[in-house]
Amino acid sequence: MADTSSRTDASTDGDTDPRDLGSERGNLMLPAASDSSDRSKDKLDQKTLRRLAQNREAARKSRLRKKAYVQQLENSRLKLTQLEQELQRA
């Protein structure tokens, strides 16, 4: 315990080299920067997942619209074929 207090006293002395303080500050900043980068990475991951889910849903809706459109075209074709046959009979 006496060792820890002597280190604390040394760090508060005015005799410490400013370069040492800079490196200590740099070491203290690294975990904070890492945390913020983790948070931003998580945020990007969430955005990416949300975008992928929205894209998947939009693609599903697009396929349904296409299927309905193709079905409508088929129905129109059948009606036109029937009309053509009726006109040929007349």
N, C-alpha and C. Protein backbone atom coordinates (compact mmCIF):
# COMPACT_ATOMS: atom_id res chain seq x y z
N MET A 1 0.81 -1.18 0.00
CA MET A 1 0.00 0.00 0.00
C MET A 1 0.86 1.25 0.00
N ALA A 2 1.98 1.21 0.68
CA ALA A 2 2.89 2.35 0.70
C ALA A 2 3.43 2.61 -0.70
N ASP A 3 3.59 1.54 -1.48
CA ASP A 3 4.06 1.67 -2.85
C ASP A 3 3.08 2.48 -3.70
N THR A 4 1.81 2.22 -3.56
CA THR A 4 0.79 2.91 -4.34
C THR A 4 0.77 4.39 -4.01
N SER A 5 0.86 4.73 -2.72
CA SER A 5 0.83 6.13 -2.34
C SER A 5 2.06 6.86 -2.85
N SER A 6 3.21 6.19 -2.91
CA SER A 6 4.41 6.84 -3.42
C SER A 6 4.27 7.12 -4.92
N ARG A 7 3.59 6.26 -5.65
CA ARG A 7 3.35 6.50 -7.07
C ARG A 7 2.41 7.67 -7.26
N THR A 8 1.40 7.74 -6.42
CA THR A 8 0.45 8.83 -6.51
C THR A 8 1.15 10.15 -6.23
N ASP A 9 2.01 10.16 -5.20
CA ASP A 9 2.76 11.38 -4.88
C ASP A 9 3.65 11.77 -6.04
N ALA A 10 4.29 10.83 -6.69
CA ALA A 10 5.19 11.13 -7.79
C ALA A 10 4.43 11.70 -8.98
N SER A 11 3.21 11.23 -9.21
CA SER A 11 2.47 11.71 -10.36
C SER A 11 1.93 13.12 -10.13
N THR A 12 1.77 13.53 -8.88
CA THR A 12 1.26 14.87 -8.61
C THR A 12 2.38 15.89 -8.43
N ASP A 13 3.63 15.45 -8.39
CA ASP A 13 4.75 16.37 -8.26
C ASP A 13 4.87 17.24 -9.50
N GLY A 14 5.38 18.46 -9.33
CA GLY A 14 5.61 19.34 -10.45
C GLY A 14 6.84 18.96 -11.23
N ASP A 15 7.65 18.03 -10.73
CA ASP A 15 8.89 17.63 -11.38
C ASP A 15 8.67 16.63 -12.51
N THR A 16 7.45 16.19 -12.74
CA THR A 16 7.22 15.17 -13.76
C THR A 16 7.40 15.77 -15.14
N ASP A 17 7.86 14.97 -16.05
CA ASP A 17 8.11 15.40 -17.42
C ASP A 17 6.78 15.53 -18.16
N PRO A 18 6.53 16.63 -18.87
CA PRO A 18 5.27 16.80 -19.60
C PRO A 18 5.07 15.71 -20.64
N ARG A 19 6.15 15.16 -21.20
CA ARG A 19 6.00 14.08 -22.18
C ARG A 19 5.41 12.84 -21.52
N ASP A 20 5.78 12.61 -20.26
CA ASP A 20 5.22 11.47 -19.53
C ASP A 20 3.73 11.68 -19.31
N LEU A 21 3.34 12.90 -18.99
CA LEU A 21 1.92 13.18 -18.79
C LEU A 21 1.15 12.96 -20.08
N GLY A 22 1.74 13.38 -21.19
CA GLY A 22 1.08 13.19 -22.48
C GLY A 22 0.86 11.73 -22.78
N SER A 23 1.86 10.91 -22.46
CA SER A 23 1.71 9.49 -22.73
C SER A 23 0.67 8.89 -21.80
N GLU A 24 0.62 9.37 -20.55
CA GLU A 24 -0.41 8.87 -19.64
C GLU A 24 -1.79 9.28 -20.13
N ARG A 25 -1.89 10.52 -20.57
CA ARG A 25 -3.19 10.96 -21.09
C ARG A 25 -3.57 10.15 -22.32
N GLY A 26 -2.58 9.90 -23.15
CA GLY A 26 -2.84 9.10 -24.35
C GLY A 26 -3.34 7.72 -23.98
N ASN A 27 -2.74 7.12 -22.96
CA ASN A 27 -3.18 5.81 -22.52
C ASN A 27 -4.59 5.87 -21.95
N LEU A 28 -4.90 6.96 -21.27
CA LEU A 28 -6.24 7.10 -20.72
C LEU A 28 -7.26 7.32 -21.82
N MET A 29 -6.86 7.95 -22.89
CA MET A 29 -7.79 8.24 -23.97
C MET A 29 -8.06 7.01 -24.83
N LEU A 30 -7.12 6.10 -24.92
CA LEU A 30 -7.30 4.95 -25.78
C LEU A 30 -8.54 4.12 -25.44
N PRO A 31 -8.77 3.78 -24.17
CA PRO A 31 -9.99 3.02 -23.89
C PRO A 31 -11.25 3.81 -24.23
N ALA A 32 -11.24 5.11 -23.99
CA ALA A 32 -12.42 5.91 -24.31
C ALA A 32 -12.64 5.92 -25.81
N ALA A 33 -11.57 6.06 -26.57
CA ALA A 33 -11.69 6.04 -28.03
C ALA A 33 -12.17 4.67 -28.49
N SER A 34 -11.67 3.64 -27.85
CA SER A 34 -12.09 2.29 -28.20
C SER A 34 -13.57 2.10 -27.91
N ASP A 35 -14.03 2.61 -26.76
CA ASP A 35 -15.44 2.50 -26.42
C ASP A 35 -16.30 3.24 -27.44
N SER A 36 -15.87 4.45 -27.81
CA SER A 36 -16.67 5.21 -28.76
C SER A 36 -16.65 4.55 -30.13
N SER A 37 -15.52 3.95 -30.51
CA SER A 37 -15.49 3.26 -31.80
C SER A 37 -16.35 2.00 -31.75
N ASP A 38 -16.38 1.33 -30.60
CA ASP A 38 -17.26 0.17 -30.45
C ASP A 38 -18.71 0.60 -30.57
N ARG A 39 -19.03 1.74 -29.92
CA ARG A 39 -20.41 2.24 -29.99
C ARG A 39 -20.77 2.61 -31.42
N SER A 40 -19.85 3.28 -32.11
CA SER A 40 -20.15 3.67 -33.49
C SER A 40 -20.23 2.44 -34.38
N LYS A 41 -19.40 1.42 -34.09
CA LYS A 41 -19.46 0.18 -34.87
C LYS A 41 -20.80 -0.52 -34.62
N ASP A 42 -21.23 -0.56 -33.35
CA ASP A 42 -22.53 -1.15 -33.04
C ASP A 42 -23.64 -0.39 -33.73
N LYS A 43 -23.52 0.94 -33.73
CA LYS A 43 -24.54 1.77 -34.37
C LYS A 43 -24.57 1.48 -35.87
N LEU A 44 -23.39 1.35 -36.49
CA LEU A 44 -23.33 1.03 -37.90
C LEU A 44 -23.91 -0.36 -38.15
N ASP A 45 -23.58 -1.31 -37.28
CA ASP A 45 -24.12 -2.66 -37.43
C ASP A 45 -25.64 -2.63 -37.35
N GLN A 46 -26.17 -1.86 -36.40
CA GLN A 46 -27.62 -1.76 -36.26
C GLN A 46 -28.23 -1.12 -37.50
N LYS A 47 -27.58 -0.07 -38.01
CA LYS A 47 -28.07 0.59 -39.22
C LYS A 47 -28.04 -0.38 -40.40
N THR A 48 -26.95 -1.13 -40.50
CA THR A 48 -26.81 -2.08 -41.59
C THR A 48 -27.88 -3.16 -41.50
N LEU A 49 -28.09 -3.69 -40.30
CA LEU A 49 -29.11 -4.73 -40.12
C LEU A 49 -30.50 -4.18 -40.43
N ARG A 50 -30.76 -2.95 -39.98
CA ARG A 50 -32.06 -2.33 -40.25
C ARG A 50 -32.26 -2.13 -41.76
N ARG A 51 -31.21 -1.66 -42.42
CA ARG A 51 -31.29 -1.43 -43.86
C ARG A 51 -31.50 -2.75 -44.60
N LEU A 52 -30.80 -3.80 -44.18
CA LEU A 52 -30.96 -5.11 -44.81
C LEU A 52 -32.38 -5.64 -44.61
N ALA A 53 -32.93 -5.45 -43.41
CA ALA A 53 -34.29 -5.90 -43.14
C ALA A 53 -35.29 -5.12 -44.00
N GLN A 54 -35.08 -3.81 -44.11
CA GLN A 54 -35.97 -3.00 -44.94
C GLN A 54 -35.86 -3.41 -46.41
N ASN A 55 -34.64 -3.67 -46.84
CA ASN A 55 -34.42 -4.08 -48.22
C ASN A 55 -35.09 -5.43 -48.50
N ARG A 56 -34.98 -6.35 -47.55
CA ARG A 56 -35.62 -7.66 -47.69
C ARG A 56 -37.13 -7.51 -47.81
N GLU A 57 -37.71 -6.65 -46.96
CA GLU A 57 -39.15 -6.42 -46.99
C GLU A 57 -39.57 -5.76 -48.30
N ALA A 58 -38.80 -4.79 -48.76
CA ALA A 58 -39.11 -4.12 -50.03
C ALA A 58 -39.03 -5.11 -51.19
N ALA A 59 -38.05 -6.00 -51.16
CA ALA A 59 -37.92 -7.01 -52.22
C ALA A 59 -39.11 -7.97 -52.19
N ARG A 60 -39.54 -8.34 -50.99
CA ARG A 60 -40.71 -9.24 -50.88
C ARG A 60 -41.95 -8.58 -51.45
N LYS A 61 -42.16 -7.30 -51.11
CA LYS A 61 -43.32 -6.57 -51.63
C LYS A 61 -43.23 -6.43 -53.15
N SER A 62 -42.03 -6.19 -53.64
CA SER A 62 -41.83 -6.05 -55.09
C SER A 62 -42.18 -7.36 -55.81
N ARG A 63 -41.76 -8.48 -55.22
CA ARG A 63 -42.09 -9.78 -55.83
C ARG A 63 -43.60 -10.01 -55.84
N LEU A 64 -44.26 -9.61 -54.76
CA LEU A 64 -45.72 -9.76 -54.71
C LEU A 64 -46.40 -8.89 -55.77
N ARG A 65 -45.91 -7.64 -55.91
CA ARG A 65 -46.49 -6.75 -56.93
C ARG A 65 -46.27 -7.32 -58.33
N LYS A 66 -45.08 -7.85 -58.56
CA LYS A 66 -44.77 -8.42 -59.87
C LYS A 66 -45.67 -9.62 -60.15
N LYS A 67 -45.87 -10.45 -59.13
CA LYS A 67 -46.72 -11.63 -59.28
C LYS A 67 -48.15 -11.22 -59.62
N ALA A 68 -48.65 -10.20 -58.92
CA ALA A 68 -50.00 -9.70 -59.19
C ALA A 68 -50.09 -9.11 -60.60
N TYR A 69 -49.06 -8.39 -61.01
CA TYR A 69 -49.04 -7.78 -62.34
C TYR A 69 -49.03 -8.85 -63.43
N VAL A 70 -48.21 -9.88 -63.25
CA VAL A 70 -48.14 -10.96 -64.22
C VAL A 70 -49.48 -11.68 -64.29
N GLN A 71 -50.10 -11.88 -63.13
CA GLN A 71 -51.42 -12.54 -63.09
C GLN A 71 -52.46 -11.70 -63.85
N GLN A 72 -52.40 -10.39 -63.64
CA GLN A 72 -53.33 -9.49 -64.33
C GLN A 72 -53.09 -9.54 -65.84
N LEU A 73 -51.84 -9.58 -66.27
CA LEU A 73 -51.53 -9.69 -67.70
C LEU A 73 -52.05 -11.00 -68.27
N GLU A 74 -51.90 -12.08 -67.52
CA GLU A 74 -52.41 -13.38 -67.98
C GLU A 74 -53.93 -13.34 -68.14
N ASN A 75 -54.61 -12.74 -67.16
CA ASN A 75 -56.06 -12.62 -67.24
C ASN A 75 -56.47 -11.78 -68.45
N SER A 76 -55.76 -10.68 -68.68
CA SER A 76 -56.06 -9.83 -69.83
C SER A 76 -55.84 -10.59 -71.13
N ARG A 77 -54.79 -11.36 -71.19
CA ARG A 77 -54.49 -12.15 -72.38
C ARG A 77 -55.61 -13.16 -72.65
N LEU A 78 -56.07 -13.83 -71.58
CA LEU A 78 -57.16 -14.80 -71.75
C LEU A 78 -58.43 -14.12 -72.25
N LYS A 79 -58.77 -12.96 -71.68
CA LYS A 79 -59.96 -12.23 -72.11
C LYS A 79 -59.85 -11.81 -73.57
N LEU A 80 -58.67 -11.32 -73.94
CA LEU A 80 -58.48 -10.90 -75.32
C LEU A 80 -58.55 -12.08 -76.28
N THR A 81 -58.03 -13.23 -75.86
CA THR A 81 -58.10 -14.44 -76.68
C THR A 81 -59.55 -14.85 -76.88
N GLN A 82 -60.35 -14.79 -75.81
CA GLN A 82 -61.77 -15.13 -75.90
C GLN A 82 -62.50 -14.16 -76.82
N LEU A 83 -62.22 -12.86 -76.69
CA LEU A 83 -62.84 -11.86 -77.56
C LEU A 83 -62.48 -12.10 -79.02
N GLU A 84 -61.22 -12.43 -79.25
CA GLU A 84 -60.76 -12.69 -80.61
C GLU A 84 -61.50 -13.89 -81.21
N GLN A 85 -61.67 -14.95 -80.40
CA GLN A 85 -62.38 -16.14 -80.88
C GLN A 85 -63.83 -15.81 -81.18
N GLU A 86 -64.47 -15.00 -80.34
CA GLU A 86 -65.87 -14.61 -80.57
C GLU A 86 -65.99 -13.80 -81.86
N LEU A 87 -65.04 -12.92 -82.08
CA LEU A 87 -65.08 -12.10 -83.30
C LEU A 87 -64.86 -12.96 -84.54
N GLN A 88 -64.03 -13.98 -84.44
CA GLN A 88 -63.78 -14.85 -85.58
C GLN A 88 -65.01 -15.69 -85.91
N ARG A 89 -65.79 -16.04 -84.89
CA ARG A 89 -67.00 -16.84 -85.10
C ARG A 89 -68.08 -16.00 -85.78
N ALA A 90 -68.10 -14.75 -85.47
CA ALA A 90 -69.17 -13.90 -85.99
C ALA A 90 -69.01 -13.54 -87.44
